[in-house]
């Protein structure tokens, strides 16, 4: 008889919730927010047939979570965007604007993520965060320092952070950069 590793994380669970069963599987952290992602499903009933259906659903959800964790391609979104920017033709001012959005917003949020793991949910979460606060803060108060080295905040006039949403047109431009790069990646296989 083989023994499961004692430190292995349970893949999922089946809970009885009233007159139904809830299946829940951990699918890893959200790359944008860092919050845990769970795949869920509900099966009506609590009899033996419902438990068999729930076990099949649990196995299917575990397979989905594993597939999401092991992408078929390891190319990152940052690499795809760099290649796309290298081969596309833009006016100089447009290119400078795009490079600014890429360096300040896209790469810090999603640049290291594999394009095979990138989903609509990740993009919509990023866009929602940008519409809430352009610096993607966590909502906790902090001081925006204006100097890098040791300084006196009163002299340099550092202020508490106030969330300012990114303009809708800017979010659309960021979306068009990501969309253009991913469309090119599809053409390039």
N, C-alpha and C. Protein backbone atom coordinates (compact mmCIF):
# COMPACT_ATOMS: atom_id res chain seq x y z
N UNK A 1 0.84 -1.18 0.00
CA UNK A 1 0.00 0.00 0.00
C UNK A 1 0.89 1.24 0.00
N UNK A 2 0.63 2.15 -0.90
CA UNK A 2 1.42 3.38 -0.96
C UNK A 2 0.80 4.42 -0.05
N UNK A 3 1.66 5.25 0.47
CA UNK A 3 1.21 6.30 1.39
C UNK A 3 1.30 7.64 0.70
N UNK A 4 0.29 8.47 0.89
CA UNK A 4 0.32 9.83 0.35
C UNK A 4 1.30 10.66 1.18
N UNK A 5 1.92 11.61 0.53
CA UNK A 5 2.82 12.50 1.26
C UNK A 5 2.04 13.27 2.31
N UNK A 6 2.63 13.37 3.48
CA UNK A 6 1.95 14.05 4.59
C UNK A 6 1.84 15.54 4.35
N UNK A 7 2.80 16.13 3.60
CA UNK A 7 2.77 17.57 3.39
C UNK A 7 2.05 17.97 2.11
N UNK A 8 1.48 17.01 1.38
CA UNK A 8 0.79 17.33 0.13
C UNK A 8 -0.50 18.10 0.42
N UNK A 9 -0.75 19.12 -0.38
CA UNK A 9 -1.95 19.91 -0.22
C UNK A 9 -3.13 19.11 -0.78
N UNK A 10 -4.25 19.07 -0.05
CA UNK A 10 -5.41 18.36 -0.58
C UNK A 10 -5.87 19.04 -1.88
N UNK A 11 -6.21 18.24 -2.87
CA UNK A 11 -6.57 18.78 -4.18
C UNK A 11 -7.94 19.44 -4.18
N UNK A 12 -8.84 18.99 -3.35
CA UNK A 12 -10.18 19.55 -3.30
C UNK A 12 -10.99 18.84 -2.26
N UNK A 13 -12.23 19.26 -2.13
CA UNK A 13 -13.08 18.60 -1.15
C UNK A 13 -14.54 18.64 -1.59
N UNK A 14 -15.32 17.77 -0.96
CA UNK A 14 -16.76 17.69 -1.19
C UNK A 14 -17.41 17.96 0.16
N UNK A 15 -18.27 18.97 0.22
CA UNK A 15 -18.94 19.33 1.46
C UNK A 15 -20.44 19.15 1.31
N UNK A 16 -21.09 18.71 2.36
CA UNK A 16 -22.54 18.65 2.37
C UNK A 16 -23.06 20.01 2.80
N UNK A 17 -23.90 20.59 1.96
CA UNK A 17 -24.47 21.92 2.24
C UNK A 17 -25.98 21.81 2.12
N UNK A 18 -26.63 21.52 3.23
CA UNK A 18 -28.08 21.34 3.21
C UNK A 18 -28.45 20.08 2.45
N UNK A 19 -29.23 20.23 1.38
CA UNK A 19 -29.63 19.07 0.58
C UNK A 19 -28.83 18.95 -0.72
N UNK A 20 -27.61 19.48 -0.72
CA UNK A 20 -26.75 19.37 -1.90
C UNK A 20 -25.29 19.19 -1.47
N UNK A 21 -24.45 18.88 -2.44
CA UNK A 21 -23.02 18.70 -2.20
C UNK A 21 -22.27 19.79 -2.96
N UNK A 22 -21.30 20.41 -2.29
CA UNK A 22 -20.48 21.43 -2.95
C UNK A 22 -19.08 20.89 -3.13
N UNK A 23 -18.58 21.00 -4.37
CA UNK A 23 -17.23 20.56 -4.70
C UNK A 23 -16.39 21.81 -4.84
N UNK A 24 -15.22 21.81 -4.20
CA UNK A 24 -14.33 22.98 -4.25
C UNK A 24 -12.90 22.50 -4.45
N UNK A 25 -12.20 23.09 -5.47
CA UNK A 25 -10.83 22.71 -5.79
C UNK A 25 -9.98 23.97 -5.86
N UNK A 26 -8.83 23.97 -5.19
CA UNK A 26 -7.90 25.09 -5.22
C UNK A 26 -7.18 25.08 -6.56
N UNK A 27 -7.22 26.23 -7.27
CA UNK A 27 -6.62 26.32 -8.61
C UNK A 27 -5.40 27.24 -8.63
N UNK A 28 -4.88 27.62 -7.47
CA UNK A 28 -3.69 28.48 -7.42
C UNK A 28 -4.05 29.93 -7.17
N UNK A 29 -3.02 30.78 -7.03
CA UNK A 29 -3.28 32.19 -6.76
C UNK A 29 -3.57 32.97 -8.05
N UNK A 30 -4.38 34.01 -7.93
CA UNK A 30 -4.61 34.92 -9.06
C UNK A 30 -3.33 35.71 -9.27
N UNK A 31 -2.77 35.74 -10.48
CA UNK A 31 -1.50 36.42 -10.69
C UNK A 31 -1.58 37.94 -10.53
N UNK A 32 -2.76 38.49 -10.67
CA UNK A 32 -2.90 39.95 -10.55
C UNK A 32 -3.09 40.35 -9.10
N UNK A 33 -4.05 39.72 -8.41
CA UNK A 33 -4.37 40.12 -7.04
C UNK A 33 -3.66 39.29 -5.99
N UNK A 34 -3.21 38.08 -6.34
CA UNK A 34 -2.58 37.19 -5.37
C UNK A 34 -3.57 36.42 -4.52
N UNK A 35 -4.87 36.64 -4.73
CA UNK A 35 -5.89 35.94 -3.95
C UNK A 35 -6.06 34.52 -4.49
N UNK A 36 -6.43 33.59 -3.60
CA UNK A 36 -6.60 32.21 -4.06
C UNK A 36 -7.81 32.07 -4.99
N UNK A 37 -7.68 31.20 -5.99
CA UNK A 37 -8.76 30.92 -6.94
C UNK A 37 -9.27 29.52 -6.65
N UNK A 38 -10.58 29.37 -6.54
CA UNK A 38 -11.20 28.08 -6.32
C UNK A 38 -12.19 27.79 -7.44
N UNK A 39 -12.17 26.56 -7.95
CA UNK A 39 -13.17 26.10 -8.90
C UNK A 39 -14.26 25.43 -8.06
N UNK A 40 -15.52 25.77 -8.35
CA UNK A 40 -16.63 25.24 -7.54
C UNK A 40 -17.71 24.65 -8.43
N UNK A 41 -18.42 23.69 -7.86
CA UNK A 41 -19.57 23.11 -8.53
C UNK A 41 -20.50 22.55 -7.46
N UNK A 42 -21.79 22.53 -7.75
CA UNK A 42 -22.78 22.02 -6.81
C UNK A 42 -23.53 20.86 -7.45
N UNK A 43 -23.77 19.81 -6.66
CA UNK A 43 -24.54 18.65 -7.10
C UNK A 43 -25.74 18.54 -6.17
N UNK A 44 -26.93 18.44 -6.75
CA UNK A 44 -28.16 18.30 -5.95
C UNK A 44 -28.23 16.91 -5.33
N UNK A 45 -28.70 16.85 -4.10
CA UNK A 45 -28.88 15.58 -3.41
C UNK A 45 -27.69 15.22 -2.53
N UNK A 46 -27.94 14.27 -1.61
CA UNK A 46 -26.86 13.82 -0.72
C UNK A 46 -26.79 12.30 -0.66
N UNK A 47 -27.51 11.61 -1.55
CA UNK A 47 -27.50 10.15 -1.54
C UNK A 47 -26.23 9.63 -2.21
N UNK A 48 -26.11 8.30 -2.30
CA UNK A 48 -24.90 7.69 -2.85
C UNK A 48 -24.68 8.06 -4.31
N UNK A 49 -25.74 8.15 -5.09
CA UNK A 49 -25.62 8.55 -6.51
C UNK A 49 -25.08 9.97 -6.61
N UNK A 50 -25.54 10.86 -5.74
CA UNK A 50 -25.04 12.25 -5.74
C UNK A 50 -23.56 12.28 -5.35
N UNK A 51 -23.15 11.42 -4.41
CA UNK A 51 -21.74 11.36 -4.02
C UNK A 51 -20.86 10.86 -5.18
N UNK A 52 -21.35 9.87 -5.95
CA UNK A 52 -20.59 9.41 -7.12
C UNK A 52 -20.45 10.52 -8.15
N UNK A 53 -21.54 11.25 -8.40
CA UNK A 53 -21.50 12.38 -9.34
C UNK A 53 -20.54 13.45 -8.83
N UNK A 54 -20.54 13.70 -7.53
CA UNK A 54 -19.66 14.71 -6.94
C UNK A 54 -18.19 14.30 -7.07
N UNK A 55 -17.89 13.00 -6.88
CA UNK A 55 -16.50 12.53 -7.02
C UNK A 55 -16.02 12.69 -8.47
N UNK A 56 -16.92 12.40 -9.44
CA UNK A 56 -16.55 12.60 -10.85
C UNK A 56 -16.31 14.08 -11.13
N UNK A 57 -17.16 14.94 -10.58
CA UNK A 57 -16.99 16.39 -10.76
C UNK A 57 -15.69 16.86 -10.09
N UNK A 58 -15.37 16.31 -8.92
CA UNK A 58 -14.13 16.65 -8.24
C UNK A 58 -12.93 16.28 -9.10
N UNK A 59 -12.93 15.08 -9.67
CA UNK A 59 -11.82 14.66 -10.54
C UNK A 59 -11.70 15.56 -11.76
N UNK A 60 -12.84 15.96 -12.36
CA UNK A 60 -12.81 16.84 -13.52
C UNK A 60 -12.25 18.22 -13.16
N UNK A 61 -12.68 18.76 -12.02
CA UNK A 61 -12.19 20.09 -11.59
C UNK A 61 -10.70 20.04 -11.24
N UNK A 62 -10.24 18.94 -10.64
CA UNK A 62 -8.80 18.79 -10.34
C UNK A 62 -8.02 18.78 -11.65
N UNK A 63 -8.53 18.07 -12.66
CA UNK A 63 -7.86 18.03 -13.96
C UNK A 63 -7.81 19.43 -14.59
N UNK A 64 -8.90 20.19 -14.49
CA UNK A 64 -8.92 21.56 -15.01
C UNK A 64 -7.88 22.43 -14.30
N UNK A 65 -7.80 22.29 -12.98
CA UNK A 65 -6.85 23.09 -12.21
C UNK A 65 -5.42 22.73 -12.58
N UNK A 66 -5.14 21.44 -12.76
CA UNK A 66 -3.80 21.01 -13.15
C UNK A 66 -3.44 21.50 -14.55
N UNK A 67 -4.40 21.47 -15.47
CA UNK A 67 -4.16 21.95 -16.82
C UNK A 67 -3.83 23.44 -16.80
N UNK A 68 -4.51 24.20 -15.96
CA UNK A 68 -4.24 25.64 -15.85
C UNK A 68 -2.87 25.90 -15.24
N UNK A 69 -2.40 25.02 -14.35
CA UNK A 69 -1.10 25.21 -13.70
C UNK A 69 0.06 24.80 -14.59
N UNK A 70 -0.18 23.92 -15.56
CA UNK A 70 0.89 23.43 -16.42
C UNK A 70 0.62 23.84 -17.86
N UNK A 71 0.99 25.05 -18.23
CA UNK A 71 0.69 25.54 -19.56
C UNK A 71 1.52 24.82 -20.62
N UNK A 72 0.96 24.79 -21.86
CA UNK A 72 1.67 24.15 -22.95
C UNK A 72 2.79 25.03 -23.48
N UNK A 73 2.72 26.32 -23.24
CA UNK A 73 3.75 27.25 -23.69
C UNK A 73 4.29 28.01 -22.49
N UNK A 74 5.58 28.24 -22.49
CA UNK A 74 6.18 28.97 -21.38
C UNK A 74 6.53 30.40 -21.75
N UNK A 75 6.11 30.85 -22.93
CA UNK A 75 6.41 32.21 -23.36
C UNK A 75 5.59 33.18 -22.53
N UNK A 76 6.25 34.19 -21.99
CA UNK A 76 5.56 35.14 -21.14
C UNK A 76 4.90 36.24 -21.97
N UNK A 77 3.91 36.88 -21.37
CA UNK A 77 3.23 37.99 -22.03
C UNK A 77 4.21 39.13 -22.29
N UNK A 78 5.13 39.36 -21.37
CA UNK A 78 6.13 40.42 -21.55
C UNK A 78 6.98 40.18 -22.80
N UNK A 79 7.38 38.93 -23.02
CA UNK A 79 8.19 38.60 -24.20
C UNK A 79 7.38 38.80 -25.48
N UNK A 80 6.12 38.38 -25.47
CA UNK A 80 5.25 38.54 -26.64
C UNK A 80 5.06 40.02 -26.95
N UNK A 81 4.84 40.83 -25.93
CA UNK A 81 4.65 42.26 -26.15
C UNK A 81 5.92 42.90 -26.70
N UNK A 82 7.08 42.50 -26.17
CA UNK A 82 8.34 43.03 -26.69
C UNK A 82 8.52 42.70 -28.17
N UNK A 83 8.23 41.44 -28.54
CA UNK A 83 8.36 41.03 -29.94
C UNK A 83 7.35 41.77 -30.82
N UNK A 84 6.12 41.91 -30.33
CA UNK A 84 5.09 42.63 -31.08
C UNK A 84 5.50 44.08 -31.30
N UNK A 85 6.02 44.71 -30.26
CA UNK A 85 6.44 46.11 -30.36
C UNK A 85 7.62 46.25 -31.33
N UNK A 86 8.47 45.24 -31.38
CA UNK A 86 9.63 45.28 -32.27
C UNK A 86 9.23 45.21 -33.74
N UNK A 87 8.18 44.45 -34.08
CA UNK A 87 7.83 44.23 -35.49
C UNK A 87 6.70 45.11 -36.00
N UNK A 88 5.95 45.77 -35.14
CA UNK A 88 4.85 46.61 -35.61
C UNK A 88 5.33 48.01 -35.90
N UNK A 89 4.60 48.66 -36.80
CA UNK A 89 4.94 50.03 -37.17
C UNK A 89 4.00 50.99 -36.45
N UNK A 90 4.57 51.91 -35.70
CA UNK A 90 3.81 52.95 -35.01
C UNK A 90 4.52 54.27 -35.21
N UNK A 91 3.76 55.34 -35.11
CA UNK A 91 4.37 56.66 -35.07
C UNK A 91 5.23 56.73 -33.81
N UNK A 92 6.24 57.59 -33.83
CA UNK A 92 7.15 57.69 -32.68
C UNK A 92 6.41 58.04 -31.39
N UNK A 93 5.48 58.98 -31.47
CA UNK A 93 4.76 59.40 -30.25
C UNK A 93 3.88 58.25 -29.73
N UNK A 94 3.27 57.50 -30.63
CA UNK A 94 2.44 56.36 -30.22
C UNK A 94 3.32 55.29 -29.57
N UNK A 95 4.46 55.02 -30.17
CA UNK A 95 5.39 54.02 -29.63
C UNK A 95 5.83 54.43 -28.21
N UNK A 96 6.17 55.71 -28.02
CA UNK A 96 6.59 56.17 -26.68
C UNK A 96 5.47 55.99 -25.67
N UNK A 97 4.25 56.31 -26.06
CA UNK A 97 3.10 56.15 -25.17
C UNK A 97 2.91 54.67 -24.82
N UNK A 98 2.95 53.80 -25.83
CA UNK A 98 2.78 52.37 -25.60
C UNK A 98 3.87 51.81 -24.69
N UNK A 99 5.12 52.22 -24.92
CA UNK A 99 6.22 51.74 -24.08
C UNK A 99 5.99 52.17 -22.63
N UNK A 100 5.49 53.39 -22.42
CA UNK A 100 5.18 53.84 -21.06
C UNK A 100 4.13 52.96 -20.40
N UNK A 101 3.04 52.67 -21.11
CA UNK A 101 1.99 51.81 -20.56
C UNK A 101 2.51 50.40 -20.29
N UNK A 102 3.34 49.91 -21.19
CA UNK A 102 3.89 48.56 -21.03
C UNK A 102 4.78 48.49 -19.80
N UNK A 103 5.69 49.44 -19.66
CA UNK A 103 6.66 49.40 -18.55
C UNK A 103 6.02 49.71 -17.20
N UNK A 104 5.07 50.66 -17.17
CA UNK A 104 4.48 51.08 -15.89
C UNK A 104 3.31 50.20 -15.45
N UNK A 105 2.57 49.64 -16.39
CA UNK A 105 1.33 48.97 -16.02
C UNK A 105 1.29 47.49 -16.40
N UNK A 106 1.51 47.18 -17.67
CA UNK A 106 1.29 45.81 -18.15
C UNK A 106 2.33 44.84 -17.61
N UNK A 107 3.61 45.16 -17.77
CA UNK A 107 4.66 44.22 -17.33
C UNK A 107 4.66 43.99 -15.81
N UNK A 108 4.51 45.03 -14.98
CA UNK A 108 4.47 44.72 -13.54
C UNK A 108 3.29 43.83 -13.15
N UNK A 109 2.17 43.95 -13.85
CA UNK A 109 0.99 43.17 -13.49
C UNK A 109 0.99 41.78 -14.10
N UNK A 110 1.26 41.67 -15.40
CA UNK A 110 1.10 40.40 -16.10
C UNK A 110 2.30 40.00 -16.94
N UNK A 111 3.37 40.76 -16.93
CA UNK A 111 4.50 40.52 -17.82
C UNK A 111 5.15 39.16 -17.68
N UNK A 112 5.22 38.62 -16.47
CA UNK A 112 5.90 37.34 -16.26
C UNK A 112 4.96 36.14 -16.46
N UNK A 113 3.68 36.39 -16.67
CA UNK A 113 2.71 35.31 -16.81
C UNK A 113 2.80 34.66 -18.19
N UNK A 114 2.74 33.35 -18.22
CA UNK A 114 2.73 32.60 -19.48
C UNK A 114 1.45 32.92 -20.24
N UNK A 115 1.57 33.11 -21.55
CA UNK A 115 0.37 33.45 -22.32
C UNK A 115 -0.61 32.28 -22.35
N UNK A 116 -0.15 31.07 -22.14
CA UNK A 116 -1.05 29.92 -22.10
C UNK A 116 -1.92 29.95 -20.85
N UNK A 117 -1.45 30.56 -19.78
CA UNK A 117 -2.21 30.64 -18.54
C UNK A 117 -3.08 31.89 -18.47
N UNK A 118 -2.82 32.86 -19.33
CA UNK A 118 -3.55 34.12 -19.32
C UNK A 118 -5.00 33.88 -19.72
N UNK A 119 -5.92 34.41 -18.94
CA UNK A 119 -7.35 34.22 -19.25
C UNK A 119 -8.05 35.57 -19.24
N UNK A 120 -9.27 35.56 -19.71
CA UNK A 120 -10.10 36.77 -19.73
C UNK A 120 -10.27 37.28 -18.31
N UNK A 121 -10.40 36.38 -17.36
CA UNK A 121 -10.57 36.78 -15.96
C UNK A 121 -9.38 37.60 -15.46
N UNK A 122 -8.16 37.21 -15.84
CA UNK A 122 -6.98 37.97 -15.43
C UNK A 122 -7.02 39.38 -16.02
N UNK A 123 -7.39 39.48 -17.29
CA UNK A 123 -7.43 40.80 -17.93
C UNK A 123 -8.52 41.67 -17.32
N UNK A 124 -9.70 41.10 -17.12
CA UNK A 124 -10.79 41.89 -16.54
C UNK A 124 -10.47 42.34 -15.12
N UNK A 125 -9.77 41.50 -14.36
CA UNK A 125 -9.35 41.90 -13.02
C UNK A 125 -8.37 43.06 -13.08
N UNK A 126 -7.41 43.00 -14.01
CA UNK A 126 -6.46 44.10 -14.18
C UNK A 126 -7.19 45.38 -14.55
N UNK A 127 -8.10 45.31 -15.53
CA UNK A 127 -8.81 46.51 -15.97
C UNK A 127 -9.66 47.08 -14.84
N UNK A 128 -10.29 46.22 -14.05
CA UNK A 128 -11.09 46.71 -12.91
C UNK A 128 -10.21 47.41 -11.88
N UNK A 129 -9.02 46.84 -11.62
CA UNK A 129 -8.10 47.48 -10.67
C UNK A 129 -7.65 48.84 -11.19
N UNK A 130 -7.38 48.94 -12.49
CA UNK A 130 -6.94 50.22 -13.06
C UNK A 130 -8.05 51.25 -13.01
N UNK A 131 -9.30 50.81 -13.19
CA UNK A 131 -10.42 51.76 -13.10
C UNK A 131 -10.66 52.21 -11.66
N UNK A 132 -10.17 51.40 -10.69
CA UNK A 132 -10.29 51.79 -9.28
C UNK A 132 -9.13 52.70 -8.87
N UNK A 133 -7.88 52.28 -9.22
CA UNK A 133 -6.69 53.05 -8.84
C UNK A 133 -5.60 52.80 -9.86
N UNK A 134 -5.09 53.86 -10.43
CA UNK A 134 -4.09 53.72 -11.51
C UNK A 134 -2.78 53.11 -11.05
N UNK A 135 -2.45 53.18 -9.76
CA UNK A 135 -1.21 52.56 -9.27
C UNK A 135 -1.45 51.16 -8.72
N UNK A 136 -2.69 50.66 -8.84
CA UNK A 136 -3.06 49.32 -8.39
C UNK A 136 -2.69 49.10 -6.93
N UNK A 137 -3.05 50.06 -6.08
CA UNK A 137 -2.75 49.91 -4.65
C UNK A 137 -3.69 48.87 -4.06
N UNK A 138 -3.39 48.42 -2.86
CA UNK A 138 -4.22 47.42 -2.22
C UNK A 138 -5.33 48.03 -1.37
N UNK A 139 -5.53 49.34 -1.48
CA UNK A 139 -6.58 50.01 -0.74
C UNK A 139 -6.17 50.44 0.65
N UNK A 140 -4.96 50.09 1.09
CA UNK A 140 -4.50 50.48 2.41
C UNK A 140 -3.78 51.82 2.31
N UNK A 141 -3.92 52.68 3.31
CA UNK A 141 -3.27 53.99 3.24
C UNK A 141 -1.75 53.88 3.28
N UNK A 142 -1.09 54.70 2.48
CA UNK A 142 0.37 54.79 2.50
C UNK A 142 0.78 56.17 2.01
N UNK A 143 2.04 56.50 2.23
CA UNK A 143 2.57 57.80 1.81
C UNK A 143 3.26 57.64 0.47
N UNK A 144 2.91 58.51 -0.49
CA UNK A 144 3.59 58.52 -1.78
C UNK A 144 4.82 59.40 -1.64
N UNK A 145 5.99 58.75 -1.57
CA UNK A 145 7.23 59.48 -1.39
C UNK A 145 7.71 60.04 -2.72
N UNK A 146 8.19 61.28 -2.70
CA UNK A 146 8.65 61.93 -3.92
C UNK A 146 10.15 61.81 -4.11
N UNK A 147 10.86 61.30 -3.10
CA UNK A 147 12.31 61.14 -3.20
C UNK A 147 12.67 59.70 -2.89
N UNK A 148 13.70 59.20 -3.54
CA UNK A 148 14.13 57.81 -3.35
C UNK A 148 14.98 57.64 -2.09
N UNK A 149 15.91 58.55 -1.83
CA UNK A 149 16.86 58.40 -0.72
C UNK A 149 16.23 58.93 0.58
N UNK A 150 17.03 58.94 1.66
CA UNK A 150 16.59 59.51 2.93
C UNK A 150 16.16 60.95 2.69
N UNK A 151 15.02 61.31 3.26
CA UNK A 151 14.53 62.68 3.07
C UNK A 151 13.56 63.03 4.18
N UNK A 152 13.23 64.31 4.26
CA UNK A 152 12.23 64.79 5.19
C UNK A 152 10.94 64.96 4.40
N UNK A 153 9.91 64.19 4.74
CA UNK A 153 8.66 64.20 3.98
C UNK A 153 8.01 65.59 3.96
N UNK A 154 8.16 66.35 5.03
CA UNK A 154 7.56 67.68 5.08
C UNK A 154 8.25 68.61 4.08
N UNK A 155 9.58 68.54 4.00
CA UNK A 155 10.33 69.39 3.08
C UNK A 155 10.04 69.01 1.63
N UNK A 156 10.03 67.71 1.35
CA UNK A 156 9.83 67.23 -0.02
C UNK A 156 8.34 67.27 -0.41
N UNK A 157 7.47 67.44 0.57
CA UNK A 157 6.02 67.52 0.38
C UNK A 157 5.42 66.19 -0.07
N UNK A 158 5.78 65.11 0.62
CA UNK A 158 5.18 63.80 0.37
C UNK A 158 3.74 63.83 0.89
N UNK A 159 2.85 63.14 0.21
CA UNK A 159 1.43 63.18 0.58
C UNK A 159 0.89 61.76 0.75
N UNK A 160 -0.20 61.64 1.52
CA UNK A 160 -0.86 60.33 1.60
C UNK A 160 -1.45 59.97 0.23
N UNK A 161 -1.43 58.69 -0.08
CA UNK A 161 -1.96 58.22 -1.36
C UNK A 161 -3.47 58.40 -1.41
N UNK A 162 -3.96 58.92 -2.53
CA UNK A 162 -5.39 59.00 -2.81
C UNK A 162 -5.61 58.27 -4.12
N UNK A 163 -6.49 57.28 -4.10
CA UNK A 163 -6.74 56.50 -5.31
C UNK A 163 -7.35 57.37 -6.40
N UNK A 164 -6.74 57.31 -7.58
CA UNK A 164 -7.26 58.02 -8.75
C UNK A 164 -7.45 56.99 -9.84
N UNK A 165 -8.66 56.88 -10.38
CA UNK A 165 -8.88 55.87 -11.42
C UNK A 165 -8.19 56.25 -12.71
N UNK A 166 -7.80 55.23 -13.47
CA UNK A 166 -7.23 55.47 -14.78
C UNK A 166 -8.38 55.78 -15.74
N UNK A 167 -8.15 56.68 -16.67
CA UNK A 167 -9.18 57.07 -17.62
C UNK A 167 -9.60 55.86 -18.46
N UNK A 168 -10.87 55.82 -18.82
CA UNK A 168 -11.40 54.71 -19.61
C UNK A 168 -10.65 54.59 -20.95
N UNK A 169 -10.29 55.71 -21.54
CA UNK A 169 -9.58 55.66 -22.82
C UNK A 169 -8.18 55.05 -22.65
N UNK A 170 -7.55 55.29 -21.51
CA UNK A 170 -6.24 54.71 -21.25
C UNK A 170 -6.35 53.21 -21.04
N UNK A 171 -7.38 52.77 -20.32
CA UNK A 171 -7.60 51.34 -20.13
C UNK A 171 -7.85 50.67 -21.48
N UNK A 172 -8.59 51.35 -22.37
CA UNK A 172 -8.81 50.80 -23.72
C UNK A 172 -7.51 50.71 -24.50
N UNK A 173 -6.62 51.68 -24.35
CA UNK A 173 -5.33 51.62 -25.03
C UNK A 173 -4.50 50.45 -24.50
N UNK A 174 -4.50 50.25 -23.19
CA UNK A 174 -3.78 49.11 -22.60
C UNK A 174 -4.36 47.81 -23.14
N UNK A 175 -5.68 47.75 -23.24
CA UNK A 175 -6.32 46.56 -23.80
C UNK A 175 -5.91 46.35 -25.26
N UNK A 176 -5.83 47.43 -26.02
CA UNK A 176 -5.46 47.28 -27.43
C UNK A 176 -4.01 46.80 -27.58
N UNK A 177 -3.13 47.21 -26.68
CA UNK A 177 -1.74 46.73 -26.70
C UNK A 177 -1.72 45.23 -26.45
N UNK A 178 -2.40 44.79 -25.39
CA UNK A 178 -2.42 43.37 -25.04
C UNK A 178 -3.10 42.57 -26.16
N UNK A 179 -4.21 43.08 -26.67
CA UNK A 179 -4.93 42.39 -27.74
C UNK A 179 -4.08 42.26 -29.00
N UNK A 180 -3.41 43.33 -29.37
CA UNK A 180 -2.55 43.29 -30.56
C UNK A 180 -1.41 42.30 -30.40
N UNK A 181 -0.80 42.29 -29.23
CA UNK A 181 0.31 41.37 -28.98
C UNK A 181 -0.17 39.91 -28.99
N UNK A 182 -1.31 39.65 -28.37
CA UNK A 182 -1.82 38.27 -28.34
C UNK A 182 -2.29 37.82 -29.72
N UNK A 183 -2.87 38.73 -30.51
CA UNK A 183 -3.26 38.38 -31.88
C UNK A 183 -2.03 38.01 -32.70
N UNK A 184 -0.97 38.77 -32.52
CA UNK A 184 0.29 38.44 -33.21
C UNK A 184 0.83 37.10 -32.75
N UNK A 185 0.73 36.82 -31.45
CA UNK A 185 1.22 35.53 -30.93
C UNK A 185 0.44 34.37 -31.53
N UNK A 186 -0.86 34.55 -31.75
CA UNK A 186 -1.66 33.50 -32.38
C UNK A 186 -1.20 33.30 -33.82
N UNK A 187 -0.94 34.39 -34.55
CA UNK A 187 -0.46 34.28 -35.94
C UNK A 187 0.91 33.60 -35.99
N UNK A 188 1.74 33.83 -34.98
CA UNK A 188 3.09 33.27 -34.94
C UNK A 188 3.11 31.85 -34.38
N UNK A 189 1.96 31.34 -33.99
CA UNK A 189 1.84 30.03 -33.34
C UNK A 189 2.57 30.01 -32.01
